[in-house]
C-alpha atoms as a PDB file:
ATOM      1  CA  MET A   1      36.488   3.002-255.077  1.00  0.00           C
ATOM      2  CA  SER A   2      34.537   4.034-251.974  1.00  0.00           C
ATOM      3  CA  ASN A   3      32.989   1.787-249.623  1.00  0.00           C
ATOM      4  CA  PRO A   4      29.126   0.821-249.780  1.00  0.00           C
ATOM      5  CA  ILE A   5      26.905   3.194-247.915  1.00  0.00           C
ATOM      6  CA  THR A   6      25.483   1.545-244.496  1.00  0.00           C
ATOM      7  CA  LYS A   7      22.653   2.511-241.776  1.00  0.00           C
ATOM      8  CA  ILE A   8      23.086   2.437-238.585  1.00  0.00           C
ATOM      9  CA  VAL A   9      19.763   2.701-236.633  1.00  0.00           C
ATOM     10  CA  ASN A  10      19.392   3.683-233.121  1.00  0.00           C
ATOM     11  CA  ALA A  11      16.662   1.457-231.720  1.00  0.00           C
ATOM     12  CA  LYS A  12      15.781   3.574-228.841  1.00  0.00           C
ATOM     13  CA  THR A  13      15.758   7.074-230.526  1.00  0.00           C
ATOM     14  CA  GLY A  14      14.936   6.022-233.975  1.00  0.00           C
ATOM     15  CA  GLU A  15      17.954   7.832-235.110  1.00  0.00           C
ATOM     16  CA  GLU A  16      19.262   6.950-238.506  1.00  0.00           C
ATOM     17  CA  VAL A  17      22.540   7.641-239.617  1.00  0.00           C
ATOM     18  CA  GLU A  18      24.186   6.775-243.201  1.00  0.00           C
ATOM     19  CA  ARG A  19      27.751   6.939-243.543  1.00  0.00           C
ATOM     20  CA  PRO A  20      30.355   4.735-245.685  1.00  0.00           C
ATOM     21  CA  MET A  21      31.156   1.347-243.960  1.00  0.00           C
ATOM     22  CA  ASN A  22      34.441   1.099-242.536  1.00  0.00           C
ATOM     23  CA  SER A  23      37.763  -1.600-243.373  1.00  0.00           C
ATOM     24  CA  ASN A  24      35.913  -3.813-240.935  1.00  0.00           C
ATOM     25  CA  GLU A  25      32.607  -3.857-241.938  1.00  0.00           C
ATOM     26  CA  PHE A  26      33.353  -3.754-245.314  1.00  0.00           C
ATOM     27  CA  GLY A  27      35.683  -6.499-245.036  1.00  0.00           C
ATOM     28  CA  LEU A  28      32.683  -8.489-243.836  1.00  0.00           C
ATOM     29  CA  TRP A  29      30.240  -7.370-245.994  1.00  0.00           C
ATOM     30  CA  ASN A  30      32.210  -8.506-248.753  1.00  0.00           C
ATOM     31  CA  LYS A  31      33.086 -11.778-247.378  1.00  0.00           C
ATOM     32  CA  ALA A  32      29.224 -12.689-246.673  1.00  0.00           C
ATOM     33  CA  ASN A  33      28.791 -11.506-250.195  1.00  0.00           C
ATOM     34  CA  LEU A  34      31.500 -13.712-251.584  1.00  0.00           C
ATOM     35  CA  GLU A  35      30.408 -16.961-249.381  1.00  0.00           C
ATOM     36  CA  ALA A  36      26.634 -16.218-250.432  1.00  0.00           C
ATOM     37  CA  LYS A  37      27.741 -16.262-254.202  1.00  0.00           C
ATOM     38  CA  ALA A  38      29.874 -19.310-253.673  1.00  0.00           C
ATOM     39  CA  LEU A  39      26.609 -21.525-251.811  1.00  0.00           C
ATOM     40  CA  GLU A  40      24.741 -19.974-255.069  1.00  0.00           C
ATOM     41  CA  LEU A  41      27.157 -21.949-257.865  1.00  0.00           C
ATOM     42  CA  GLU A  42      27.235 -25.004-255.767  1.00  0.00           C
ATOM     43  CA  ALA A  43      23.508 -25.135-256.073  1.00  0.00           C
ATOM     44  CA  ILE A  44      23.558 -24.538-259.544  1.00  0.00           C
ATOM     45  CA  ALA A  45      25.928 -27.138-260.337  1.00  0.00           C
ATOM     46  CA  ARG A  46      24.012 -29.756-258.099  1.00  0.00           C
ATOM     47  CA  SER A  47      21.004 -28.915-259.713  1.00  0.00           C
ATOM     48  CA  GLU A  48      22.957 -29.372-263.127  1.00  0.00           C
ATOM     49  CA  ALA A  49      24.276 -32.535-261.799  1.00  0.00           C
ATOM     50  CA  ARG A  50      21.452 -33.715-260.665  1.00  0.00           C
ATOM     51  CA  THR A  51      19.323 -32.811-264.279  1.00  0.00           C
ATOM     52  CA  ALA A  52      22.453 -34.337-266.329  1.00  0.00           C
ATOM     53  CA  ALA A  53      22.110 -37.791-263.936  1.00  0.00           C
ATOM     54  CA  GLU A  54      18.350 -37.964-264.758  1.00  0.00           C
ATOM     55  CA  ALA A  55      18.509 -37.458-268.036  1.00  0.00           C
ATOM     56  CA  LYS A  56      21.730 -40.420-268.609  1.00  0.00           C
ATOM     57  CA  LEU A  57      18.933 -42.649-266.500  1.00  0.00           C
ATOM     58  CA  LEU A  58      15.786 -41.948-268.767  1.00  0.00           C
ATOM     59  CA  ALA A  59      18.263 -42.755-271.651  1.00  0.00           C
ATOM     60  CA  LEU A  60      18.947 -46.101-270.113  1.00  0.00           C
ATOM     61  CA  GLY A  61      14.924 -46.382-270.185  1.00  0.00           C
ATOM     62  CA  LEU A  62      13.917 -45.793-267.043  1.00  0.00           C
ATOM     63  CA  THR A  63      10.919 -43.922-266.173  1.00  0.00           C
ATOM     64  CA  THR A  64       9.841 -41.064-264.315  1.00  0.00           C
ATOM     65  CA  GLU A  65       8.217 -43.109-262.253  1.00  0.00           C
ATOM     66  CA  ASP A  66      11.253 -45.195-261.833  1.00  0.00           C
ATOM     67  CA  LEU A  67      13.353 -41.916-261.259  1.00  0.00           C
ATOM     68  CA  LYS A  68      11.474 -40.643-258.600  1.00  0.00           C
ATOM     69  CA  ALA A  69      11.273 -44.439-256.473  1.00  0.00           C
ATOM     70  CA  LEU A  70      15.175 -44.199-256.973  1.00  0.00           C
ATOM     71  CA  ILE A  71      15.981 -40.560-256.241  1.00  0.00           C
ATOM     72  CA  GLY A  72      12.621 -38.745-254.479  1.00  0.00           C
END
């Protein structure tokens, strides 16, 4: 598989060059994408855990207002 294309723009001249990423650029790009995906998965897990906890508290008889007072 070839590396993704990167675009380099010269701010002074406006010249644009598109070329495949070198191995260092590709490594940094790949690392950033993996970190972003990990953060997204963590946010989803936190949201699901919160929803499950709220459902359990509601099942115990707490009202929506009670939950808002407890967890905001």
